[in-house]
N, C-alpha and C. Protein backbone atom coordinates (compact mmCIF):
# COMPACT_ATOMS: atom_id res chain seq x y z
N MET A 1 -16.76 -23.62 41.39
CA MET A 1 -17.74 -22.42 41.86
C MET A 1 -19.21 -22.97 41.85
N VAL A 2 -19.86 -22.39 42.89
CA VAL A 2 -21.27 -22.94 43.13
C VAL A 2 -22.20 -21.97 42.44
N VAL A 3 -23.27 -22.41 41.83
CA VAL A 3 -24.29 -21.48 41.34
C VAL A 3 -25.04 -21.00 42.57
N ARG A 4 -25.16 -19.57 42.78
CA ARG A 4 -25.90 -19.07 43.69
C ARG A 4 -27.49 -19.18 43.56
N MET A 5 -28.01 -18.64 42.33
CA MET A 5 -29.49 -18.68 42.20
C MET A 5 -29.62 -19.45 40.69
N ARG A 6 -30.41 -20.43 40.88
CA ARG A 6 -30.70 -21.04 39.63
C ARG A 6 -31.91 -20.50 39.00
N HIS A 7 -31.93 -20.37 37.73
CA HIS A 7 -32.93 -19.97 36.86
C HIS A 7 -33.74 -21.12 36.55
N THR A 8 -35.13 -20.77 36.63
CA THR A 8 -36.06 -21.96 36.14
C THR A 8 -36.15 -22.10 34.69
N ARG A 9 -36.52 -23.24 34.16
CA ARG A 9 -36.62 -23.38 32.76
C ARG A 9 -37.36 -22.35 32.03
N GLY A 10 -38.45 -21.82 32.57
CA GLY A 10 -39.24 -20.79 31.87
C GLY A 10 -38.55 -19.59 31.86
N HIS A 11 -37.83 -19.15 32.82
CA HIS A 11 -36.95 -17.91 32.89
C HIS A 11 -36.01 -18.05 31.71
N THR A 12 -35.33 -19.21 31.56
CA THR A 12 -34.17 -19.42 30.62
C THR A 12 -34.82 -19.30 29.32
N ARG A 13 -36.02 -19.99 29.06
CA ARG A 13 -36.46 -20.08 27.67
C ARG A 13 -37.09 -18.70 27.34
N ASN A 14 -37.54 -17.77 28.37
CA ASN A 14 -38.03 -16.44 28.06
C ASN A 14 -36.81 -15.61 27.46
N ARG A 15 -35.70 -15.90 28.12
CA ARG A 15 -34.50 -14.96 27.89
C ARG A 15 -34.06 -15.51 26.38
N ARG A 16 -34.13 -16.78 26.01
CA ARG A 16 -33.60 -17.29 24.69
C ARG A 16 -34.65 -17.10 23.57
N SER A 17 -35.85 -16.66 23.80
CA SER A 17 -37.05 -16.55 22.92
C SER A 17 -36.55 -15.55 21.86
N HIS A 18 -35.68 -14.69 21.97
CA HIS A 18 -35.21 -13.67 21.06
C HIS A 18 -33.99 -14.15 20.33
N HIS A 19 -33.49 -15.27 20.65
CA HIS A 19 -32.34 -15.57 19.95
C HIS A 19 -32.51 -16.39 18.47
N ALA A 20 -33.80 -16.54 18.21
CA ALA A 20 -34.10 -17.39 16.91
C ALA A 20 -33.59 -16.45 15.73
N LEU A 21 -33.27 -17.17 14.59
CA LEU A 21 -32.88 -16.55 13.40
C LEU A 21 -34.08 -16.13 12.65
N LYS A 22 -33.91 -15.03 12.04
CA LYS A 22 -35.07 -14.30 11.34
C LYS A 22 -34.89 -14.69 9.69
N ASN A 23 -35.83 -14.62 8.87
CA ASN A 23 -35.67 -14.76 7.51
C ASN A 23 -35.06 -13.69 6.85
N LEU A 24 -34.33 -13.86 5.83
CA LEU A 24 -33.59 -12.79 5.16
C LEU A 24 -34.61 -11.98 4.33
N PRO A 25 -34.56 -10.69 4.23
CA PRO A 25 -35.37 -9.86 3.29
C PRO A 25 -34.97 -10.03 1.97
N ILE A 26 -35.44 -11.19 1.15
CA ILE A 26 -34.89 -11.26 -0.18
C ILE A 26 -36.11 -10.84 -0.94
N VAL A 27 -35.72 -10.12 -2.10
CA VAL A 27 -36.57 -9.48 -3.05
C VAL A 27 -36.27 -9.96 -4.54
N GLU A 28 -37.34 -9.95 -5.38
CA GLU A 28 -37.18 -10.41 -6.72
C GLU A 28 -37.10 -9.12 -7.53
N THR A 29 -35.95 -9.04 -8.34
CA THR A 29 -35.67 -7.70 -9.24
C THR A 29 -36.09 -8.15 -10.74
N LYS A 30 -36.22 -7.05 -11.43
CA LYS A 30 -36.72 -7.30 -12.84
C LYS A 30 -35.60 -8.01 -13.63
N GLY A 31 -34.35 -7.73 -13.58
CA GLY A 31 -33.40 -8.13 -14.50
C GLY A 31 -32.66 -9.38 -13.97
N ASP A 32 -32.17 -9.42 -12.78
CA ASP A 32 -31.29 -10.47 -12.46
C ASP A 32 -31.73 -11.50 -11.46
N GLY A 33 -32.90 -11.55 -11.09
CA GLY A 33 -33.47 -12.54 -10.11
C GLY A 33 -33.48 -11.99 -8.75
N LEU A 34 -32.95 -12.62 -7.81
CA LEU A 34 -33.05 -12.51 -6.36
C LEU A 34 -31.77 -11.67 -5.78
N ARG A 35 -32.18 -10.74 -4.86
CA ARG A 35 -30.99 -10.11 -4.09
C ARG A 35 -31.61 -9.71 -2.70
N LEU A 36 -30.74 -9.38 -1.92
CA LEU A 36 -31.15 -8.92 -0.46
C LEU A 36 -31.70 -7.58 -0.51
N ASN A 37 -32.55 -7.23 0.22
CA ASN A 37 -33.38 -5.98 0.42
C ASN A 37 -32.35 -4.94 0.74
N HIS A 38 -32.28 -3.62 0.37
CA HIS A 38 -31.65 -2.50 0.62
C HIS A 38 -30.07 -2.84 0.07
N THR A 39 -29.83 -3.61 -0.82
CA THR A 39 -28.59 -3.67 -1.36
C THR A 39 -28.43 -3.42 -2.86
N ALA A 40 -27.39 -3.21 -3.24
CA ALA A 40 -27.03 -2.93 -4.80
C ALA A 40 -27.23 -4.47 -5.35
N SER A 41 -27.59 -4.53 -6.69
CA SER A 41 -27.44 -5.68 -7.25
C SER A 41 -26.06 -6.03 -7.72
N LYS A 42 -25.32 -7.24 -7.61
CA LYS A 42 -24.13 -7.66 -7.92
C LYS A 42 -24.04 -7.89 -9.41
N VAL A 43 -25.06 -8.23 -10.19
CA VAL A 43 -25.02 -8.48 -11.51
C VAL A 43 -25.03 -7.28 -12.34
N THR A 44 -25.92 -6.33 -12.06
CA THR A 44 -26.08 -4.99 -12.89
C THR A 44 -25.38 -3.97 -12.22
N GLY A 45 -25.04 -3.93 -10.89
CA GLY A 45 -24.53 -2.84 -10.17
C GLY A 45 -25.35 -1.64 -9.97
N THR A 46 -26.63 -1.89 -9.85
CA THR A 46 -27.63 -0.69 -9.72
C THR A 46 -28.43 -0.81 -8.35
N TYR A 47 -28.75 0.24 -7.98
CA TYR A 47 -29.56 0.32 -6.78
C TYR A 47 -30.70 1.32 -7.04
N LYS A 48 -32.06 0.83 -7.03
CA LYS A 48 -33.22 1.69 -7.31
C LYS A 48 -33.15 2.11 -8.61
N GLY A 49 -32.46 1.42 -9.55
CA GLY A 49 -32.47 1.67 -11.00
C GLY A 49 -31.32 2.60 -11.39
N LYS A 50 -30.59 3.01 -10.42
CA LYS A 50 -29.46 3.78 -10.65
C LYS A 50 -28.09 3.15 -10.60
N PRO A 51 -27.12 3.28 -11.51
CA PRO A 51 -25.85 2.65 -11.28
C PRO A 51 -25.00 3.15 -10.09
N VAL A 52 -24.55 2.20 -9.34
CA VAL A 52 -23.66 2.64 -8.22
C VAL A 52 -22.25 2.10 -8.17
N LYS A 53 -22.01 0.98 -8.84
CA LYS A 53 -20.83 0.50 -9.06
C LYS A 53 -20.28 0.42 -10.59
N ALA A 54 -18.92 0.60 -10.62
CA ALA A 54 -18.47 0.55 -11.89
C ALA A 54 -17.89 -0.88 -12.28
N LEU A 55 -18.85 -1.83 -12.79
CA LEU A 55 -18.66 -3.20 -12.77
C LEU A 55 -17.68 -3.48 -13.76
N GLN A 56 -17.81 -2.83 -14.85
CA GLN A 56 -16.68 -3.18 -15.91
C GLN A 56 -15.28 -2.83 -15.63
N LYS A 57 -15.10 -1.88 -14.93
CA LYS A 57 -13.78 -1.44 -14.31
C LYS A 57 -13.37 -2.46 -13.33
N LYS A 58 -14.12 -2.92 -12.53
CA LYS A 58 -13.78 -3.97 -11.50
C LYS A 58 -13.52 -5.30 -12.14
N LEU A 59 -14.16 -5.70 -13.03
CA LEU A 59 -13.92 -6.80 -13.78
C LEU A 59 -12.57 -6.89 -14.41
N ASP A 60 -12.24 -5.66 -15.14
CA ASP A 60 -11.07 -5.72 -15.87
C ASP A 60 -9.84 -5.69 -14.97
N LYS A 61 -10.00 -5.00 -13.75
CA LYS A 61 -8.91 -5.11 -12.70
C LYS A 61 -8.79 -6.55 -12.29
N LYS A 62 -9.73 -7.26 -12.11
CA LYS A 62 -9.62 -8.69 -11.68
C LYS A 62 -9.11 -9.47 -12.59
N ILE A 63 -9.51 -9.35 -13.85
CA ILE A 63 -8.74 -10.12 -15.09
C ILE A 63 -7.37 -9.60 -15.09
N ALA A 64 -6.87 -8.65 -14.98
CA ALA A 64 -5.46 -8.13 -15.11
C ALA A 64 -4.85 -8.84 -14.07
N LYS A 65 -5.31 -8.77 -12.79
CA LYS A 65 -4.61 -9.39 -11.69
C LYS A 65 -4.51 -10.88 -11.85
N LYS A 66 -5.48 -11.58 -12.40
CA LYS A 66 -5.44 -13.08 -12.57
C LYS A 66 -4.24 -13.36 -13.72
N THR A 67 -4.14 -12.41 -14.78
CA THR A 67 -3.30 -12.80 -15.76
C THR A 67 -1.86 -12.51 -15.27
N VAL A 68 -1.68 -11.67 -14.42
CA VAL A 68 -0.38 -11.37 -14.01
C VAL A 68 0.19 -12.50 -13.05
N SER A 69 -0.77 -12.98 -12.17
CA SER A 69 -0.50 -14.19 -11.28
C SER A 69 -0.30 -15.40 -12.02
N ILE A 70 -0.99 -15.61 -13.12
CA ILE A 70 -0.58 -16.82 -13.96
C ILE A 70 0.70 -16.75 -14.53
N SER A 71 1.09 -15.50 -15.06
CA SER A 71 2.41 -15.48 -15.74
C SER A 71 3.48 -15.51 -14.69
N LYS A 72 3.43 -15.19 -13.49
CA LYS A 72 4.36 -15.28 -12.52
C LYS A 72 4.72 -16.85 -12.07
N LYS A 73 3.47 -17.54 -12.18
CA LYS A 73 3.75 -18.93 -11.81
C LYS A 73 4.54 -19.78 -12.88
N LYS A 74 4.84 -19.40 -14.09
CA LYS A 74 5.23 -20.07 -15.19
C LYS A 74 6.83 -19.80 -15.16
């Protein structure tokens, strides 16, 4: 296939000028260090000081799943 109209380097670079990666909005929190902006903390399970995740329930479920999989292997 033959290229009908070739774009100049300047045109190509202008188009690609928006392809650059941007810095992540990382914020420092009081208790657990760094996290992404507008996300709940994975350590404490809070967002803006309010609990949004039942972390203990989730951890208990994960531990129970691992113990079941270990007992099946034996």
